[in-house]
Amino acid sequence: ITLIVFVIFGGMTLYFHNPIFIKWKPTIVFWIFGFAFLGS
């Protein structure tokens, strides 16, 4: 999960040359984990 989000948001950071996308990566990973815990 971390790799997939890293590739997507890191890739957008590199492509658009804007660090905001990589800054979103931990949030997306944490929210995925949070909702996985909630779903369980």
Full PDB file with SEQRES, HELIX, SHEET, SSBOND, CRYST1, ORIGX, SCALE, CONECT and MASTER records, all heavy atoms in Angstrom:
SEQRES   1 A   40  ILE THR LEU ILE VAL PHE VAL ILE PHE GLY GLY MET THR          
SEQRES   2 A   40  LEU TYR PHE HIS ASN PRO ILE PHE ILE LYS TRP LYS PRO          
SEQRES   3 A   40  THR ILE VAL PHE TRP ILE PHE GLY PHE ALA PHE LEU GLY          
SEQRES   4 A   40  SER                                                          
HELIX    1 AA1 THR A    2  PHE A   16  1                                  15    
HELIX    2 AA2 ILE A   20  GLY A   39  1                                  20    
CRYST1    1.000    1.000    1.000  90.00  90.00  90.00 P 1           1          
ORIGX1      1.000000  0.000000  0.000000        0.00000                         
ORIGX2      0.000000  1.000000  0.000000        0.00000                         
ORIGX3      0.000000  0.000000  1.000000        0.00000                         
SCALE1      1.000000  0.000000  0.000000        0.00000                         
SCALE2      0.000000  1.000000  0.000000        0.00000                         
SCALE3      0.000000  0.000000  1.000000        0.00000                         
ATOM      1  N   ILE A   1       0.840  -1.201   0.000  1.00  0.00           N  
ATOM      2  CA  ILE A   1       0.000   0.000   0.000  1.00  0.00           C  
ATOM      3  C   ILE A   1       0.871   1.245   0.000  1.00  0.00           C  
ATOM      4  O   ILE A   1       0.649   2.181  -0.770  1.00  0.00           O  
ATOM      5  CB  ILE A   1      -0.977   0.000   1.188  1.00  0.00           C  
ATOM      6  CG1 ILE A   1      -2.046  -1.076   1.000  1.00  0.00           C  
ATOM      7  CG2 ILE A   1      -1.622   1.375   1.387  1.00  0.00           C  
ATOM      8  CD1 ILE A   1      -2.885  -1.346   2.225  1.00  0.00           C  
ATOM      9  N   THR A   2       1.879   1.258   0.871  1.00  0.00           N  
ATOM     10  CA  THR A   2       2.790   2.397   0.944  1.00  0.00           C  
ATOM     11  C   THR A   2       3.495   2.608  -0.395  1.00  0.00           C  
ATOM     12  O   THR A   2       3.619   3.747  -0.858  1.00  0.00           O  
ATOM     13  CB  THR A   2       3.814   2.189   2.076  1.00  0.00           C  
ATOM     14  OG1 THR A   2       3.106   2.046   3.315  1.00  0.00           O  
ATOM     15  CG2 THR A   2       4.777   3.353   2.184  1.00  0.00           C  
ATOM     16  N   LEU A   3       3.948   1.533  -1.024  1.00  0.00           N  
ATOM     17  CA  LEU A   3       4.627   1.648  -2.318  1.00  0.00           C  
ATOM     18  C   LEU A   3       3.699   2.218  -3.387  1.00  0.00           C  
ATOM     19  O   LEU A   3       4.089   3.125  -4.126  1.00  0.00           O  
ATOM     20  CB  LEU A   3       5.172   0.297  -2.769  1.00  0.00           C  
ATOM     21  CG  LEU A   3       5.820   0.290  -4.162  1.00  0.00           C  
ATOM     22  CD1 LEU A   3       7.018   1.237  -4.220  1.00  0.00           C  
ATOM     23  CD2 LEU A   3       6.222  -1.135  -4.545  1.00  0.00           C  
ATOM     24  N   ILE A   4       2.497   1.716  -3.450  1.00  0.00           N  
ATOM     25  CA  ILE A   4       1.548   2.199  -4.460  1.00  0.00           C  
ATOM     26  C   ILE A   4       1.294   3.695  -4.280  1.00  0.00           C  
ATOM     27  O   ILE A   4       1.347   4.474  -5.241  1.00  0.00           O  
ATOM     28  CB  ILE A   4       0.233   1.395  -4.418  1.00  0.00           C  
ATOM     29  CG1 ILE A   4       0.474  -0.033  -4.909  1.00  0.00           C  
ATOM     30  CG2 ILE A   4      -0.859   2.082  -5.245  1.00  0.00           C  
ATOM     31  CD1 ILE A   4      -0.670  -0.994  -4.627  1.00  0.00           C  
ATOM     32  N   VAL A   5       1.030   4.106  -3.044  1.00  0.00           N  
ATOM     33  CA  VAL A   5       0.772   5.527  -2.781  1.00  0.00           C  
ATOM     34  C   VAL A   5       2.026   6.349  -3.054  1.00  0.00           C  
ATOM     35  O   VAL A   5       1.950   7.445  -3.614  1.00  0.00           O  
ATOM     36  CB  VAL A   5       0.254   5.739  -1.334  1.00  0.00           C  
ATOM     37  CG1 VAL A   5       0.121   7.208  -1.012  1.00  0.00           C  
ATOM     38  CG2 VAL A   5      -1.081   5.018  -1.135  1.00  0.00           C  
ATOM     39  N   PHE A   6       3.199   5.804  -2.698  1.00  0.00           N  
ATOM     40  CA  PHE A   6       4.464   6.499  -2.930  1.00  0.00           C  
ATOM     41  C   PHE A   6       4.700   6.701  -4.433  1.00  0.00           C  
ATOM     42  O   PHE A   6       5.102   7.782  -4.869  1.00  0.00           O  
ATOM     43  CB  PHE A   6       5.625   5.704  -2.326  1.00  0.00           C  
ATOM     44  CG  PHE A   6       6.729   6.537  -1.750  1.00  0.00           C  
ATOM     45  CD1 PHE A   6       7.474   6.055  -0.687  1.00  0.00           C  
ATOM     46  CD2 PHE A   6       7.058   7.782  -2.250  1.00  0.00           C  
ATOM     47  CE1 PHE A   6       8.507   6.799  -0.145  1.00  0.00           C  
ATOM     48  CE2 PHE A   6       8.095   8.540  -1.715  1.00  0.00           C  
ATOM     49  CZ  PHE A   6       8.814   8.043  -0.660  1.00  0.00           C  
ATOM     50  N   VAL A   7       4.456   5.658  -5.212  1.00  0.00           N  
ATOM     51  CA  VAL A   7       4.664   5.760  -6.660  1.00  0.00           C  
ATOM     52  C   VAL A   7       3.705   6.797  -7.257  1.00  0.00           C  
ATOM     53  O   VAL A   7       4.113   7.638  -8.073  1.00  0.00           O  
ATOM     54  CB  VAL A   7       4.499   4.386  -7.342  1.00  0.00           C  
ATOM     55  CG1 VAL A   7       4.397   4.519  -8.856  1.00  0.00           C  
ATOM     56  CG2 VAL A   7       5.660   3.471  -6.966  1.00  0.00           C  
ATOM     57  N   ILE A   8       2.451   6.766  -6.832  1.00  0.00           N  
ATOM     58  CA  ILE A   8       1.469   7.710  -7.382  1.00  0.00           C  
ATOM     59  C   ILE A   8       1.797   9.146  -6.973  1.00  0.00           C  
ATOM     60  O   ILE A   8       1.955  10.030  -7.828  1.00  0.00           O  
ATOM     61  CB  ILE A   8       0.036   7.327  -6.947  1.00  0.00           C  
ATOM     62  CG1 ILE A   8      -0.379   6.006  -7.616  1.00  0.00           C  
ATOM     63  CG2 ILE A   8      -0.955   8.446  -7.301  1.00  0.00           C  
ATOM     64  CD1 ILE A   8      -1.651   5.404  -7.043  1.00  0.00           C  
ATOM     65  N   PHE A   9       1.909   9.392  -5.679  1.00  0.00           N  
ATOM     66  CA  PHE A   9       2.113  10.764  -5.214  1.00  0.00           C  
ATOM     67  C   PHE A   9       3.555  11.242  -5.419  1.00  0.00           C  
ATOM     68  O   PHE A   9       3.787  12.411  -5.723  1.00  0.00           O  
ATOM     69  CB  PHE A   9       1.659  10.913  -3.759  1.00  0.00           C  
ATOM     70  CG  PHE A   9       0.172  10.936  -3.640  1.00  0.00           C  
ATOM     71  CD1 PHE A   9      -0.568   9.768  -3.611  1.00  0.00           C  
ATOM     72  CD2 PHE A   9      -0.508  12.140  -3.598  1.00  0.00           C  
ATOM     73  CE1 PHE A   9      -1.946   9.788  -3.536  1.00  0.00           C  
ATOM     74  CE2 PHE A   9      -1.885  12.179  -3.520  1.00  0.00           C  
ATOM     75  CZ  PHE A   9      -2.617  10.995  -3.491  1.00  0.00           C  
ATOM     76  N   GLY A  10       4.509  10.330  -5.279  1.00  0.00           N  
ATOM     77  CA  GLY A  10       5.891  10.685  -5.590  1.00  0.00           C  
ATOM     78  C   GLY A  10       6.062  10.943  -7.073  1.00  0.00           C  
ATOM     79  O   GLY A  10       6.755  11.874  -7.484  1.00  0.00           O  
ATOM     80  N   GLY A  11       5.400  10.120  -7.882  1.00  0.00           N  
ATOM     81  CA  GLY A  11       5.443  10.329  -9.327  1.00  0.00           C  
ATOM     82  C   GLY A  11       4.857  11.677  -9.718  1.00  0.00           C  
ATOM     83  O   GLY A  11       5.402  12.381 -10.577  1.00  0.00           O  
ATOM     84  N   MET A  12       3.743  12.062  -9.069  1.00  0.00           N  
ATOM     85  CA  MET A  12       3.157  13.375  -9.361  1.00  0.00           C  
ATOM     86  C   MET A  12       4.083  14.503  -8.916  1.00  0.00           C  
ATOM     87  O   MET A  12       4.191  15.527  -9.596  1.00  0.00           O  
ATOM     88  CB  MET A  12       1.774  13.509  -8.708  1.00  0.00           C  
ATOM     89  CG  MET A  12       0.725  12.651  -9.394  1.00  0.00           C  
ATOM     90  SD  MET A  12      -0.993  12.983  -8.906  1.00  0.00           S  
ATOM     91  CE  MET A  12      -0.976  12.859  -7.158  1.00  0.00           C  
ATOM     92  N   THR A  13       4.762  14.312  -7.787  1.00  0.00           N  
ATOM     93  CA  THR A  13       5.727  15.313  -7.322  1.00  0.00           C  
ATOM     94  C   THR A  13       6.824  15.503  -8.357  1.00  0.00           C  
ATOM     95  O   THR A  13       7.193  16.631  -8.683  1.00  0.00           O  
ATOM     96  CB  THR A  13       6.336  14.897  -5.968  1.00  0.00           C  
ATOM     97  OG1 THR A  13       5.326  15.013  -4.978  1.00  0.00           O  
ATOM     98  CG2 THR A  13       7.532  15.752  -5.588  1.00  0.00           C  
ATOM     99  N   LEU A  14       7.348  14.405  -8.869  1.00  0.00           N  
ATOM    100  CA  LEU A  14       8.426  14.488  -9.856  1.00  0.00           C  
ATOM    101  C   LEU A  14       7.925  15.025 -11.192  1.00  0.00           C  
ATOM    102  O   LEU A  14       8.588  15.858 -11.815  1.00  0.00           O  
ATOM    103  CB  LEU A  14       9.076  13.117 -10.032  1.00  0.00           C  
ATOM    104  CG  LEU A  14       9.764  12.556  -8.777  1.00  0.00           C  
ATOM    105  CD1 LEU A  14      10.199  11.121  -9.008  1.00  0.00           C  
ATOM    106  CD2 LEU A  14      10.918  13.421  -8.341  1.00  0.00           C  
ATOM    107  N   TYR A  15       6.773  14.583 -11.630  1.00  0.00           N  
ATOM    108  CA  TYR A  15       6.243  15.002 -12.922  1.00  0.00           C  
ATOM    109  C   TYR A  15       5.878  16.490 -12.937  1.00  0.00           C  
ATOM    110  O   TYR A  15       6.227  17.223 -13.856  1.00  0.00           O  
ATOM    111  CB  TYR A  15       5.024  14.149 -13.296  1.00  0.00           C  
ATOM    112  CG  TYR A  15       4.445  14.502 -14.643  1.00  0.00           C  
ATOM    113  CD1 TYR A  15       5.055  14.044 -15.812  1.00  0.00           C  
ATOM    114  CD2 TYR A  15       3.323  15.303 -14.755  1.00  0.00           C  
ATOM    115  CE1 TYR A  15       4.546  14.371 -17.058  1.00  0.00           C  
ATOM    116  CE2 TYR A  15       2.797  15.635 -15.998  1.00  0.00           C  
ATOM    117  CZ  TYR A  15       3.416  15.167 -17.149  1.00  0.00           C  
ATOM    118  OH  TYR A  15       2.910  15.503 -18.381  1.00  0.00           O  
ATOM    119  N   PHE A  16       5.150  16.918 -11.902  1.00  0.00           N  
ATOM    120  CA  PHE A  16       4.699  18.311 -11.841  1.00  0.00           C  
ATOM    121  C   PHE A  16       5.721  19.233 -11.169  1.00  0.00           C  
ATOM    122  O   PHE A  16       5.524  20.433 -11.098  1.00  0.00           O  
ATOM    123  CB  PHE A  16       3.354  18.421 -11.112  1.00  0.00           C  
ATOM    124  CG  PHE A  16       2.224  17.776 -11.852  1.00  0.00           C  
ATOM    125  CD1 PHE A  16       1.628  16.626 -11.365  1.00  0.00           C  
ATOM    126  CD2 PHE A  16       1.760  18.311 -13.047  1.00  0.00           C  
ATOM    127  CE1 PHE A  16       0.577  16.024 -12.043  1.00  0.00           C  
ATOM    128  CE2 PHE A  16       0.710  17.714 -13.732  1.00  0.00           C  
ATOM    129  CZ  PHE A  16       0.119  16.566 -13.231  1.00  0.00           C  
ATOM    130  N   HIS A  17       6.787  18.622 -10.653  1.00  0.00           N  
ATOM    131  CA  HIS A  17       7.833  19.361  -9.948  1.00  0.00           C  
ATOM    132  C   HIS A  17       7.225  20.224  -8.827  1.00  0.00           C  
ATOM    133  O   HIS A  17       7.507  21.416  -8.702  1.00  0.00           O  
ATOM    134  CB  HIS A  17       8.655  20.217 -10.922  1.00  0.00           C  
ATOM    135  CG  HIS A  17      10.068  20.393 -10.491  1.00  0.00           C  
ATOM    136  ND1 HIS A  17      10.968  19.362 -10.489  1.00  0.00           N  
ATOM    137  CD2 HIS A  17      10.732  21.481 -10.017  1.00  0.00           C  
ATOM    138  CE1 HIS A  17      12.127  19.802 -10.057  1.00  0.00           C  
ATOM    139  NE2 HIS A  17      12.017  21.077  -9.764  1.00  0.00           N  
ATOM    140  N   ASN A  18       6.387  19.560  -8.019  1.00  0.00           N  
ATOM    141  CA  ASN A  18       5.686  20.224  -6.925  1.00  0.00           C  
ATOM    142  C   ASN A  18       5.679  19.292  -5.713  1.00  0.00           C  
ATOM    143  O   ASN A  18       5.098  18.203  -5.761  1.00  0.00           O  
ATOM    144  CB  ASN A  18       4.248  20.547  -7.360  1.00  0.00           C  
ATOM    145  CG  ASN A  18       3.499  21.356  -6.332  1.00  0.00           C  
ATOM    146  OD1 ASN A  18       3.890  21.442  -5.175  1.00  0.00           O  
ATOM    147  ND2 ASN A  18       2.403  21.949  -6.763  1.00  0.00           N  
ATOM    148  N   PRO A  19       6.317  19.703  -4.619  1.00  0.00           N  
ATOM    149  CA  PRO A  19       6.436  18.824  -3.455  1.00  0.00           C  
ATOM    150  C   PRO A  19       5.126  18.582  -2.694  1.00  0.00           C  
ATOM    151  O   PRO A  19       5.080  17.705  -1.835  1.00  0.00           O  
ATOM    152  CB  PRO A  19       7.451  19.540  -2.561  1.00  0.00           C  
ATOM    153  CG  PRO A  19       7.420  20.959  -2.994  1.00  0.00           C  
ATOM    154  CD  PRO A  19       7.044  20.953  -4.447  1.00  0.00           C  
ATOM    155  N   ILE A  20       4.066  19.299  -2.994  1.00  0.00           N  
ATOM    156  CA  ILE A  20       2.834  19.112  -2.231  1.00  0.00           C  
ATOM    157  C   ILE A  20       2.294  17.688  -2.364  1.00  0.00           C  
ATOM    158  O   ILE A  20       1.720  17.138  -1.425  1.00  0.00           O  
ATOM    159  CB  ILE A  20       1.745  20.155  -2.602  1.00  0.00           C  
ATOM    160  CG1 ILE A  20       0.655  20.186  -1.527  1.00  0.00           C  
ATOM    161  CG2 ILE A  20       1.155  19.880  -3.972  1.00  0.00           C  
ATOM    162  CD1 ILE A  20       1.140  20.577  -0.147  1.00  0.00           C  
ATOM    163  N   PHE A  21       2.522  17.070  -3.508  1.00  0.00           N  
ATOM    164  CA  PHE A  21       2.004  15.709  -3.711  1.00  0.00           C  
ATOM    165  C   PHE A  21       2.681  14.704  -2.770  1.00  0.00           C  
ATOM    166  O   PHE A  21       2.006  13.852  -2.199  1.00  0.00           O  
ATOM    167  CB  PHE A  21       2.165  15.278  -5.171  1.00  0.00           C  
ATOM    168  CG  PHE A  21       1.392  16.139  -6.119  1.00  0.00           C  
ATOM    169  CD1 PHE A  21       2.049  17.037  -6.954  1.00  0.00           C  
ATOM    170  CD2 PHE A  21       0.008  16.076  -6.177  1.00  0.00           C  
ATOM    171  CE1 PHE A  21       1.338  17.835  -7.833  1.00  0.00           C  
ATOM    172  CE2 PHE A  21      -0.714  16.877  -7.057  1.00  0.00           C  
ATOM    173  CZ  PHE A  21      -0.051  17.774  -7.886  1.00  0.00           C  
ATOM    174  N   ILE A  22       3.996  14.814  -2.614  1.00  0.00           N  
ATOM    175  CA  ILE A  22       4.689  13.886  -1.723  1.00  0.00           C  
ATOM    176  C   ILE A  22       4.307  14.154  -0.270  1.00  0.00           C  
ATOM    177  O   ILE A  22       4.297  13.256   0.564  1.00  0.00           O  
ATOM    178  CB  ILE A  22       6.226  13.910  -1.934  1.00  0.00           C  
ATOM    179  CG1 ILE A  22       6.871  12.657  -1.349  1.00  0.00           C  
ATOM    180  CG2 ILE A  22       6.869  15.145  -1.357  1.00  0.00           C  
ATOM    181  CD1 ILE A  22       6.452  11.386  -2.007  1.00  0.00           C  
ATOM    182  N   LYS A  23       3.960  15.397   0.026  1.00  0.00           N  
ATOM    183  CA  LYS A  23       3.522  15.736   1.379  1.00  0.00           C  
ATOM    184  C   LYS A  23       2.170  15.101   1.707  1.00  0.00           C  
ATOM    185  O   LYS A  23       1.865  14.862   2.868  1.00  0.00           O  
ATOM    186  CB  LYS A  23       3.449  17.258   1.550  1.00  0.00           C  
ATOM    187  CG  LYS A  23       4.807  17.933   1.522  1.00  0.00           C  
ATOM    188  CD  LYS A  23       4.656  19.442   1.647  1.00  0.00           C  
ATOM    189  CE  LYS A  23       5.983  20.149   1.592  1.00  0.00           C  
ATOM    190  NZ  LYS A  23       5.826  21.612   1.760  1.00  0.00           N  
ATOM    191  N   TRP A  24       1.379  14.820   0.692  1.00  0.00           N  
ATOM    192  CA  TRP A  24       0.093  14.151   0.888  1.00  0.00           C  
ATOM    193  C   TRP A  24       0.254  12.652   1.131  1.00  0.00           C  
ATOM    194  O   TRP A  24      -0.630  12.007   1.679  1.00  0.00           O  
ATOM    195  CB  TRP A  24      -0.798  14.369  -0.340  1.00  0.00           C  
ATOM    196  CG  TRP A  24      -1.695  15.551  -0.203  1.00  0.00           C  
ATOM    197  CD1 TRP A  24      -1.394  16.853  -0.485  1.00  0.00           C  
ATOM    198  CD2 TRP A  24      -3.044  15.552   0.260  1.00  0.00           C  
ATOM    199  NE1 TRP A  24      -2.467  17.653  -0.240  1.00  0.00           N  
ATOM    200  CE2 TRP A  24      -3.507  16.868   0.223  1.00  0.00           C  
ATOM    201  CE3 TRP A  24      -3.909  14.556   0.696  1.00  0.00           C  
ATOM    202  CZ2 TRP A  24      -4.790  17.221   0.624  1.00  0.00           C  
ATOM    203  CZ3 TRP A  24      -5.193  14.903   1.081  1.00  0.00           C  
ATOM    204  CH2 TRP A  24      -5.613  16.222   1.042  1.00  0.00           C  
ATOM    205  N   LYS A  25       1.366  12.070   0.711  1.00  0.00           N  
ATOM    206  CA  LYS A  25       1.550  10.618   0.781  1.00  0.00           C  
ATOM    207  C   LYS A  25       1.334  10.041   2.172  1.00  0.00           C  
ATOM    208  O   LYS A  25       0.559   9.087   2.322  1.00  0.00           O  
ATOM    209  CB  LYS A  25       2.925  10.233   0.219  1.00  0.00           C  
ATOM    210  CG  LYS A  25       3.153   8.743   0.184  1.00  0.00           C  
ATOM    211  CD  LYS A  25       4.485   8.464   0.773  1.00  0.00           C  
ATOM    212  CE  LYS A  25       4.645   7.348   1.628  1.00  0.00           C  
ATOM    213  NZ  LYS A  25       5.358   7.253   2.762  1.00  0.00           N  
ATOM    214  N   PRO A  26       1.954  10.579   3.238  1.00  0.00           N  
ATOM    215  CA  PRO A  26       1.689   9.990   4.558  1.00  0.00           C  
ATOM    216  C   PRO A  26       0.210  10.073   4.949  1.00  0.00           C  
ATOM    217  O   PRO A  26      -0.330   9.132   5.526  1.00  0.00           O  
ATOM    218  CB  PRO A  26       2.555  10.826   5.510  1.00  0.00           C  
ATOM    219  CG  PRO A  26       3.595  11.443   4.652  1.00  0.00           C  
ATOM    220  CD  PRO A  26       2.960  11.641   3.314  1.00  0.00           C  
ATOM    221  N   THR A  27      -0.422  11.178   4.601  1.00  0.00           N  
ATOM    222  CA  THR A  27      -1.834  11.332   4.939  1.00  0.00           C  
ATOM    223  C   THR A  27      -2.671  10.254   4.266  1.00  0.00           C  
ATOM    224  O   THR A  27      -3.515   9.617   4.915  1.00  0.00           O  
ATOM    225  CB  THR A  27      -2.334  12.736   4.533  1.00  0.00           C  
ATOM    226  OG1 THR A  27      -1.657  13.705   5.338  1.00  0.00           O  
ATOM    227  CG2 THR A  27      -3.829  12.868   4.713  1.00  0.00           C  
ATOM    228  N   ILE A  28      -2.453  10.041   2.990  1.00  0.00           N  
ATOM    229  CA  ILE A  28      -3.216   9.023   2.267  1.00  0.00           C  
ATOM    230  C   ILE A  28      -2.977   7.642   2.871  1.00  0.00           C  
ATOM    231  O   ILE A  28      -3.924   6.876   3.106  1.00  0.00           O  
ATOM    232  CB  ILE A  28      -2.868   9.030   0.751  1.00  0.00           C  
ATOM    233  CG1 ILE A  28      -3.211  10.390   0.129  1.00  0.00           C  
ATOM    234  CG2 ILE A  28      -3.550   7.892   0.023  1.00  0.00           C  
ATOM    235  CD1 ILE A  28      -4.665  10.792   0.235  1.00  0.00           C  
ATOM    236  N   VAL A  29      -1.721   7.308   3.146  1.00  0.00           N  
ATOM    237  CA  VAL A  29      -1.401   6.005   3.746  1.00  0.00           C  
ATOM    238  C   VAL A  29      -2.070   5.880   5.111  1.00  0.00           C  
ATOM    239  O   VAL A  29      -2.714   4.861   5.409  1.00  0.00           O  
ATOM    240  CB  VAL A  29       0.129   5.800   3.853  1.00  0.00           C  
ATOM    241  CG1 VAL A  29       0.468   4.577   4.684  1.00  0.00           C  
ATOM    242  CG2 VAL A  29       0.745   5.688   2.463  1.00  0.00           C  
ATOM    243  N   PHE A  30      -1.961   6.905   5.952  1.00  0.00           N  
ATOM    244  CA  PHE A  30      -2.575   6.840   7.285  1.00  0.00           C  
ATOM    245  C   PHE A  30      -4.090   6.728   7.196  1.00  0.00           C  
ATOM    246  O   PHE A  30      -4.712   5.990   7.957  1.00  0.00           O  
ATOM    247  CB  PHE A  30      -2.185   8.046   8.141  1.00  0.00           C  
ATOM    248  CG  PHE A  30      -0.738   8.060   8.531  1.00  0.00           C  
ATOM    249  CD1 PHE A  30      -0.032   9.249   8.544  1.00  0.00           C  
ATOM    250  CD2 PHE A  30      -0.077   6.904   8.896  1.00  0.00           C  
ATOM    251  CE1 PHE A  30       1.310   9.276   8.905  1.00  0.00           C  
ATOM    252  CE2 PHE A  30       1.259   6.910   9.250  1.00  0.00           C  
ATOM    253  CZ  PHE A  30       1.956   8.103   9.254  1.00  0.00           C  
ATOM    254  N   TRP A  31      -4.701   7.460   6.288  1.00  0.00           N  
ATOM    255  CA  TRP A  31      -6.156   7.388   6.152  1.00  0.00           C  
ATOM    256  C   TRP A  31      -6.596   6.019   5.622  1.00  0.00           C  
ATOM    257  O   TRP A  31      -7.615   5.489   6.057  1.00  0.00           O  
ATOM    258  CB  TRP A  31      -6.671   8.520   5.285  1.00  0.00           C  
ATOM    259  CG  TRP A  31      -6.654   9.857   5.984  1.00  0.00           C  
ATOM    260  CD1 TRP A  31      -6.349  10.110   7.296  1.00  0.00           C  
ATOM    261  CD2 TRP A  31      -6.953  11.128   5.402  1.00  0.00           C  
ATOM    262  NE1 TRP A  31      -6.433  11.454   7.562  1.00  0.00           N  
ATOM    263  CE2 TRP A  31      -6.805  12.103   6.418  1.00  0.00           C  
ATOM    264  CE3 TRP A  31      -7.316  11.531   4.133  1.00  0.00           C  
ATOM    265  CZ2 TRP A  31      -7.020  13.452   6.203  1.00  0.00           C  
ATOM    266  CZ3 TRP A  31      -7.540  12.882   3.909  1.00  0.00           C  
ATOM    267  CH2 TRP A  31      -7.396  13.831   4.932  1.00  0.00           C  
ATOM    268  N   ILE A  32      -5.833   5.428   4.717  1.00  0.00           N  
ATOM    269  CA  ILE A  32      -6.148   4.067   4.259  1.00  0.00           C  
ATOM    270  C   ILE A  32      -6.093   3.104   5.438  1.00  0.00           C  
ATOM    271  O   ILE A  32      -7.004   2.295   5.648  1.00  0.00           O  
ATOM    272  CB  ILE A  32      -5.191   3.623   3.124  1.00  0.00           C  
ATOM    273  CG1 ILE A  32      -5.502   4.382   1.836  1.00  0.00           C  
ATOM    274  CG2 ILE A  32      -5.286   2.109   2.885  1.00  0.00           C  
ATOM    275  CD1 ILE A  32      -4.463   4.181   0.735  1.00  0.00           C  
ATOM    276  N   PHE A  33      -5.018   3.196   6.231  1.00  0.00           N  
ATOM    277  CA  PHE A  33      -4.893   2.325   7.405  1.00  0.00           C  
ATOM    278  C   PHE A  33      -6.025   2.588   8.395  1.00  0.00           C  
ATOM    279  O   PHE A  33      -6.621   1.654   8.939  1.00  0.00           O  
ATOM    280  CB  PHE A  33      -3.541   2.505   8.091  1.00  0.00           C  
ATOM    281  CG  PHE A  33      -2.358   1.997   7.291  1.00  0.00           C  
ATOM    282  CD1 PHE A  33      -1.083   2.407   7.612  1.00  0.00           C  
ATOM    283  CD2 PHE A  33      -2.515   1.136   6.221  1.00  0.00           C  
ATOM    284  CE1 PHE A  33       0.019   1.956   6.888  1.00  0.00           C  
ATOM    285  CE2 PHE A  33      -1.428   0.672   5.488  1.00  0.00           C  
ATOM    286  CZ  PHE A  33      -0.155   1.084   5.831  1.00  0.00           C  
ATOM    287  N   GLY A  34      -6.326   3.861   8.634  1.00  0.00           N  
ATOM    288  CA  GLY A  34      -7.396   4.210   9.569  1.00  0.00           C  
ATOM    289  C   GLY A  34      -8.733   3.625   9.161  1.00  0.00           C  
ATOM    290  O   GLY A  34      -9.455   3.041   9.969  1.00  0.00           O  
ATOM    291  N   PHE A  35      -9.063   3.760   7.876  1.00  0.00           N  
ATOM    292  CA  PHE A  35     -10.340   3.225   7.400  1.00  0.00           C  
ATOM    293  C   PHE A  35     -10.330   1.701   7.337  1.00  0.00           C  
ATOM    294  O   PHE A  35     -11.373   1.063   7.495  1.00  0.00           O  
ATOM    295  CB  PHE A  35     -10.739   3.871   6.077  1.00  0.00           C  
ATOM    296  CG  PHE A  35     -11.197   5.289   6.264  1.00  0.00           C  
ATOM    297  CD1 PHE A  35     -10.454   6.340   5.736  1.00  0.00           C  
ATOM    298  CD2 PHE A  35     -12.329   5.589   7.000  1.00  0.00           C  
ATOM    299  CE1 PHE A  35     -10.857   7.659   5.930  1.00  0.00           C  
ATOM    300  CE2 PHE A  35     -12.740   6.902   7.208  1.00  0.00           C  
ATOM    301  CZ  PHE A  35     -12.005   7.937   6.667  1.00  0.00           C  
ATOM    302  N   ALA A  36      -9.151   1.095   7.147  1.00  0.00           N  
ATOM    303  CA  ALA A  36      -9.056  -0.372   7.205  1.00  0.00           C  
ATOM    304  C   ALA A  36      -9.325  -0.853   8.631  1.00  0.00           C  
ATOM    305  O   ALA A  36     -10.057  -1.831   8.833  1.00  0.00           O  
ATOM    306  CB  ALA A  36      -7.674  -0.831   6.741  1.00  0.00           C  
ATOM    307  N   PHE A  37      -8.769  -0.153   9.619  1.00  0.00           N  
ATOM    308  CA  PHE A  37      -9.042  -0.503  11.013  1.00  0.00           C  
ATOM    309  C   PHE A  37     -10.519  -0.318  11.321  1.00  0.00           C  
ATOM    310  O   PHE A  37     -11.140  -1.162  11.954  1.00  0.00           O  
ATOM    311  CB  PHE A  37      -8.187   0.342  11.969  1.00  0.00           C  
ATOM    312  CG  PHE A  37      -6.809  -0.204  12.196  1.00  0.00           C  
ATOM    313  CD1 PHE A  37      -5.755   0.149  11.365  1.00  0.00           C  
ATOM    314  CD2 PHE A  37      -6.547  -1.063  13.241  1.00  0.00           C  
ATOM    315  CE1 PHE A  37      -4.481  -0.352  11.562  1.00  0.00           C  
ATOM    316  CE2 PHE A  37      -5.281  -1.574  13.461  1.00  0.00           C  
ATOM    317  CZ  PHE A  37      -4.240  -1.221  12.611  1.00  0.00           C  
ATOM    318  N   LEU A  38     -11.081   0.781  10.863  1.00  0.00           N  
ATOM    319  CA  LEU A  38     -12.503   1.043  11.100  1.00  0.00           C  
ATOM    320  C   LEU A  38     -13.368  -0.039  10.456  1.00  0.00           C  
ATOM    321  O   LEU A  38     -14.297  -0.556  11.092  1.00  0.00           O  
ATOM    322  CB  LEU A  38     -12.888   2.418  10.553  1.00  0.00           C  
ATOM    323  CG  LEU A  38     -14.348   2.828  10.746  1.00  0.00           C  
ATOM    324  CD1 LEU A  38     -14.700   2.917  12.231  1.00  0.00           C  
ATOM    325  CD2 LEU A  38     -14.611   4.160  10.051  1.00  0.00           C  
ATOM    326  N   GLY A  39     -13.070  -0.396   9.230  1.00  0.00           N  
ATOM    327  CA  GLY A  39     -13.837  -1.431   8.549  1.00  0.00           C  
ATOM    328  C   GLY A  39     -13.795  -2.770   9.260  1.00  0.00           C  
ATOM    329  O   GLY A  39     -14.783  -3.511   9.278  1.00  0.00           O  
ATOM    330  N   SER A  40     -12.648  -3.062   9.884  1.00  0.00           N  
ATOM    331  CA  SER A  40     -12.521  -4.349  10.583  1.00  0.00           C  
ATOM    332  C   SER A  40     -13.372  -4.403  11.851  1.00  0.00           C  
ATOM    333  O   SER A  40     -13.586  -5.474  12.402  1.00  0.00           O  
ATOM    334  CB  SER A  40     -11.053  -4.653  10.902  1.00  0.00           C  
ATOM    335  OG  SER A  40     -10.593  -3.897  12.000  1.00  0.00           O  
TER     336      SER A  40                                                      
MASTER        0    0    0    2    0    0    0    6  335    1    0    4          
END                                                                             
